[in-house]
């Protein structure tokens, strides 16, 4: 089953002049598949990820999540889909520095409002345990290391049990050891938990160990 599918996506920037940044992009990610997107800076990788994640709705073509068309959804519908069904991990962790690790992980689930605060807290602790960092739960996010912050960001991305994790250079700010840790977490989420992952990366060592590489150049998929 395809968790994510894009059909014939075209994207234009309108200013200062009309410029086509994505050309007829079609791709799919299957259940449990770990896919990376590679290409030179400026080739459209991050732009594509923003379209696939529903954060950018100004495109031509069709986008499906779990074989359901989501193109054309209302802002509220798309916000719900982003919060419930897509987990995000960015190059920068975007943790709230003065909040505890536990509170940071709980936030997307509190926003979704489908479970009690107690249930969300228990789920957040379990996510931290899966990532081997449950001992950090009471610490303020400002007080933990960069590698730990990125693990917390992954736990936060997992809190609503999404259908797919999308990452934009999630190891870009990490040293080699912490990059390896993040890769191993993603690999485990795919292999042991059946989670789909779509990760933009510049790191060939990272990409070469994923299930499949989507290669981009000048706004097109070339392999």
Protein backbone atom coordinates (compact mmCIF):
# COMPACT_ATOMS: atom_id res chain seq x y z
CA UNK A 1 0.00 0.00 0.00
CA UNK A 2 1.21 3.51 -0.83
CA UNK A 3 1.31 5.70 2.27
CA UNK A 4 2.20 8.75 0.19
CA UNK A 5 1.77 9.34 -3.53
CA UNK A 6 2.36 12.43 -5.64
CA UNK A 7 1.10 12.58 -9.22
CA UNK A 8 2.36 15.12 -11.77
CA UNK A 9 3.28 17.85 -9.28
CA UNK A 10 4.28 21.16 -10.86
CA UNK A 11 5.21 24.18 -8.76
CA UNK A 12 5.89 27.77 -9.80
CA UNK A 13 7.39 30.71 -7.98
CA UNK A 14 5.55 33.82 -9.14
CA UNK A 15 7.95 36.57 -8.01
CA UNK A 16 9.96 38.42 -9.18
CA UNK A 17 9.14 36.56 -12.41
CA UNK A 18 7.28 33.31 -13.00
CA UNK A 19 9.71 30.41 -12.60
CA UNK A 20 8.96 26.68 -12.56
CA UNK A 21 10.71 25.05 -9.61
CA UNK A 22 9.14 21.54 -9.74
CA UNK A 23 8.57 19.74 -13.04
CA UNK A 24 6.03 16.91 -13.30
CA UNK A 25 7.04 15.14 -10.08
CA UNK A 26 5.50 11.72 -9.50
CA UNK A 27 6.62 9.49 -6.62
CA UNK A 28 5.30 7.14 -3.98
CA UNK A 29 6.38 5.83 -0.58
CA UNK A 30 5.10 2.43 0.51
CA UNK A 31 4.17 1.34 4.02
CA UNK A 32 7.34 0.77 6.06
CA UNK A 33 9.63 2.12 3.33
CA UNK A 34 12.63 4.32 4.23
CA UNK A 35 13.28 6.67 1.30
CA UNK A 36 15.81 9.49 0.91
CA UNK A 37 15.80 12.46 -1.48
CA UNK A 38 19.17 13.75 -2.70
CA UNK A 39 20.31 16.50 -5.03
CA UNK A 40 22.38 19.67 -5.15
CA UNK A 41 21.34 22.79 -3.24
CA UNK A 42 18.61 24.62 -5.11
CA UNK A 43 17.35 21.53 -6.98
CA UNK A 44 13.92 21.71 -5.33
CA UNK A 45 14.24 19.07 -2.57
CA UNK A 46 12.92 21.20 0.28
CA UNK A 47 10.27 22.80 -1.93
CA UNK A 48 9.04 19.32 -2.83
CA UNK A 49 8.97 18.28 0.83
CA UNK A 50 6.85 21.32 1.72
CA UNK A 51 4.35 20.36 -0.99
CA UNK A 52 4.29 16.69 0.06
CA UNK A 53 3.76 17.69 3.70
CA UNK A 54 0.75 19.91 2.77
CA UNK A 55 2.49 23.01 4.17
CA UNK A 56 2.56 24.43 0.62
CA UNK A 57 -0.76 24.10 -1.24
CA UNK A 58 0.07 26.31 -4.24
CA UNK A 59 0.89 23.61 -6.79
CA UNK A 60 -0.59 21.74 -9.75
CA UNK A 61 -1.09 17.97 -9.55
CA UNK A 62 -2.47 15.53 -7.02
CA UNK A 63 -1.30 14.39 -3.60
CA UNK A 64 -2.58 11.26 -1.83
CA UNK A 65 -2.07 10.11 1.75
CA UNK A 66 -2.96 6.47 2.44
CA UNK A 67 -4.56 6.43 -1.04
CA UNK A 68 -6.93 9.29 -0.14
CA UNK A 69 -6.78 12.49 -2.22
CA UNK A 70 -5.80 15.40 0.02
CA UNK A 71 -5.15 18.04 -2.66
CA UNK A 72 -7.75 20.78 -2.35
CA UNK A 73 -8.48 20.15 1.32
CA UNK A 74 -9.48 23.11 3.49
CA UNK A 75 -6.82 24.75 5.70
CA UNK A 76 -8.39 23.12 8.77
CA UNK A 77 -8.46 19.67 7.13
CA UNK A 78 -4.81 19.98 6.07
CA UNK A 79 -3.74 21.24 9.50
CA UNK A 80 -5.39 18.17 11.05
CA UNK A 81 -3.63 15.87 8.55
CA UNK A 82 -0.25 17.48 9.30
CA UNK A 83 -0.69 17.14 13.04
CA UNK A 84 -2.20 13.65 13.07
CA UNK A 85 -0.73 11.78 10.13
CA UNK A 86 2.63 13.39 9.29
CA UNK A 87 5.57 13.70 11.69
CA UNK A 88 8.26 16.28 10.97
CA UNK A 89 11.96 16.32 11.83
CA UNK A 90 13.93 19.35 10.66
CA UNK A 91 17.61 20.29 10.61
CA UNK A 92 16.90 22.54 13.61
CA UNK A 93 14.96 20.88 16.42
CA UNK A 94 12.55 23.79 17.19
CA UNK A 95 12.16 22.72 20.81
CA UNK A 96 10.80 25.24 23.33
CA UNK A 97 13.88 25.89 25.44
CA UNK A 98 12.11 26.69 28.73
CA UNK A 99 9.73 23.70 28.50
CA UNK A 100 10.71 20.29 29.78
CA UNK A 101 11.56 17.52 27.34
CA UNK A 102 8.32 15.77 28.29
CA UNK A 103 6.23 18.90 27.67
CA UNK A 104 7.86 19.42 24.26
CA UNK A 105 7.01 15.87 23.20
CA UNK A 106 3.43 16.17 24.46
CA UNK A 107 2.60 19.43 22.65
CA UNK A 108 1.37 18.09 19.27
CA UNK A 109 -0.90 15.56 21.02
CA UNK A 110 -2.31 18.21 23.35
CA UNK A 111 -3.04 20.32 20.27
CA UNK A 112 -4.77 17.38 18.59
CA UNK A 113 -6.90 16.82 21.68
CA UNK A 114 -7.89 13.20 21.04
CA UNK A 115 -6.55 11.80 24.34
CA UNK A 116 -6.49 12.83 27.97
CA UNK A 117 -3.46 14.65 29.32
CA UNK A 118 -2.56 11.56 31.37
CA UNK A 119 -2.74 9.30 28.31
CA UNK A 120 -0.62 11.75 26.33
CA UNK A 121 1.97 11.90 29.11
CA UNK A 122 2.21 8.11 29.26
CA UNK A 123 2.52 7.94 25.46
CA UNK A 124 5.22 10.63 25.47
CA UNK A 125 7.25 8.74 28.07
CA UNK A 126 6.93 5.58 25.97
CA UNK A 127 8.19 7.43 22.88
CA UNK A 128 11.16 8.73 24.88
CA UNK A 129 11.80 5.18 26.11
CA UNK A 130 11.80 3.83 22.53
CA UNK A 131 14.51 6.39 21.73
CA UNK A 132 16.49 5.61 24.89
CA UNK A 133 16.09 9.05 26.47
CA UNK A 134 13.26 8.67 29.00
CA UNK A 135 15.65 9.87 31.75
CA UNK A 136 15.66 13.31 30.07
CA UNK A 137 11.88 13.77 30.50
CA UNK A 138 12.01 16.32 33.39
CA UNK A 139 14.98 18.33 32.04
CA UNK A 140 14.51 21.67 30.33
CA UNK A 141 15.16 21.42 26.59
CA UNK A 142 17.79 24.17 26.89
CA UNK A 143 19.87 21.93 29.17
CA UNK A 144 20.40 18.91 26.90
CA UNK A 145 22.94 18.28 24.12
CA UNK A 146 22.38 18.80 20.39
CA UNK A 147 22.15 15.08 19.70
CA UNK A 148 19.67 14.65 22.55
CA UNK A 149 17.58 17.55 21.24
CA UNK A 150 17.24 15.87 17.86
CA UNK A 151 16.10 12.64 19.52
CA UNK A 152 13.50 14.62 21.46
CA UNK A 153 12.39 16.18 18.16
CA UNK A 154 11.94 12.66 16.74
CA UNK A 155 9.91 11.63 19.81
CA UNK A 156 7.73 14.70 19.29
CA UNK A 157 7.25 13.74 15.63
CA UNK A 158 6.09 10.28 16.74
CA UNK A 159 3.65 11.35 19.47
CA UNK A 160 0.48 11.19 17.34
CA UNK A 161 1.49 7.86 15.73
CA UNK A 162 1.78 9.33 12.22
CA UNK A 163 1.56 7.43 8.93
CA UNK A 164 4.85 8.90 7.71
CA UNK A 165 7.84 10.82 9.05
CA UNK A 166 9.26 13.55 6.81
CA UNK A 167 12.69 15.00 7.50
CA UNK A 168 14.53 17.98 6.02
CA UNK A 169 18.27 17.48 6.63
CA UNK A 170 17.66 16.02 10.12
CA UNK A 171 21.36 15.19 10.57
CA UNK A 172 22.63 18.44 9.00
CA UNK A 173 23.66 20.00 12.32
CA UNK A 174 24.96 16.83 13.98
CA UNK A 175 28.42 15.30 14.29
CA UNK A 176 29.08 11.87 12.80
CA UNK A 177 28.25 9.92 15.97
CA UNK A 178 24.91 11.68 16.50
CA UNK A 179 24.13 11.40 12.77
CA UNK A 180 24.67 7.66 13.09
CA UNK A 181 22.36 7.57 16.12
CA UNK A 182 19.60 9.36 14.21
CA UNK A 183 20.00 7.08 11.19
CA UNK A 184 19.76 4.00 13.43
CA UNK A 185 16.60 5.37 15.06
CA UNK A 186 15.01 5.90 11.63
CA UNK A 187 16.13 2.45 10.46
CA UNK A 188 14.56 0.87 13.55
CA UNK A 189 11.31 2.81 13.10
CA UNK A 190 11.08 1.44 9.56
CA UNK A 191 12.18 -2.13 10.25
CA UNK A 192 10.63 -2.77 13.67
CA UNK A 193 7.64 -0.42 13.72
CA UNK A 194 6.66 -0.41 10.03
CA UNK A 195 6.82 3.38 9.78
CA UNK A 196 7.33 5.09 6.41
CA UNK A 197 10.06 7.74 6.21
CA UNK A 198 10.90 10.32 3.53
CA UNK A 199 14.13 12.16 4.35
CA UNK A 200 15.86 14.97 2.42
CA UNK A 201 19.62 14.68 2.98
CA UNK A 202 22.95 15.87 1.60
CA UNK A 203 24.75 12.96 3.27
CA UNK A 204 25.51 10.14 0.80
CA UNK A 205 26.44 7.73 3.63
CA UNK A 206 22.98 8.27 5.12
CA UNK A 207 21.16 7.99 1.78
CA UNK A 208 23.02 4.89 0.62
CA UNK A 209 21.71 2.93 3.61
CA UNK A 210 18.06 3.82 3.05
CA UNK A 211 15.79 1.51 1.04
CA UNK A 212 15.71 3.80 -1.98
CA UNK A 213 17.17 7.12 -3.15
CA UNK A 214 15.13 9.63 -5.16
CA UNK A 215 17.65 11.75 -7.07
CA UNK A 216 16.65 15.29 -8.05
CA UNK A 217 18.16 17.82 -10.42
CA UNK A 218 16.75 21.18 -11.54
CA UNK A 219 13.31 20.46 -10.13
CA UNK A 220 13.01 17.03 -11.75
CA UNK A 221 13.37 13.47 -10.53
CA UNK A 222 16.21 11.93 -12.53
CA UNK A 223 16.53 8.61 -10.72
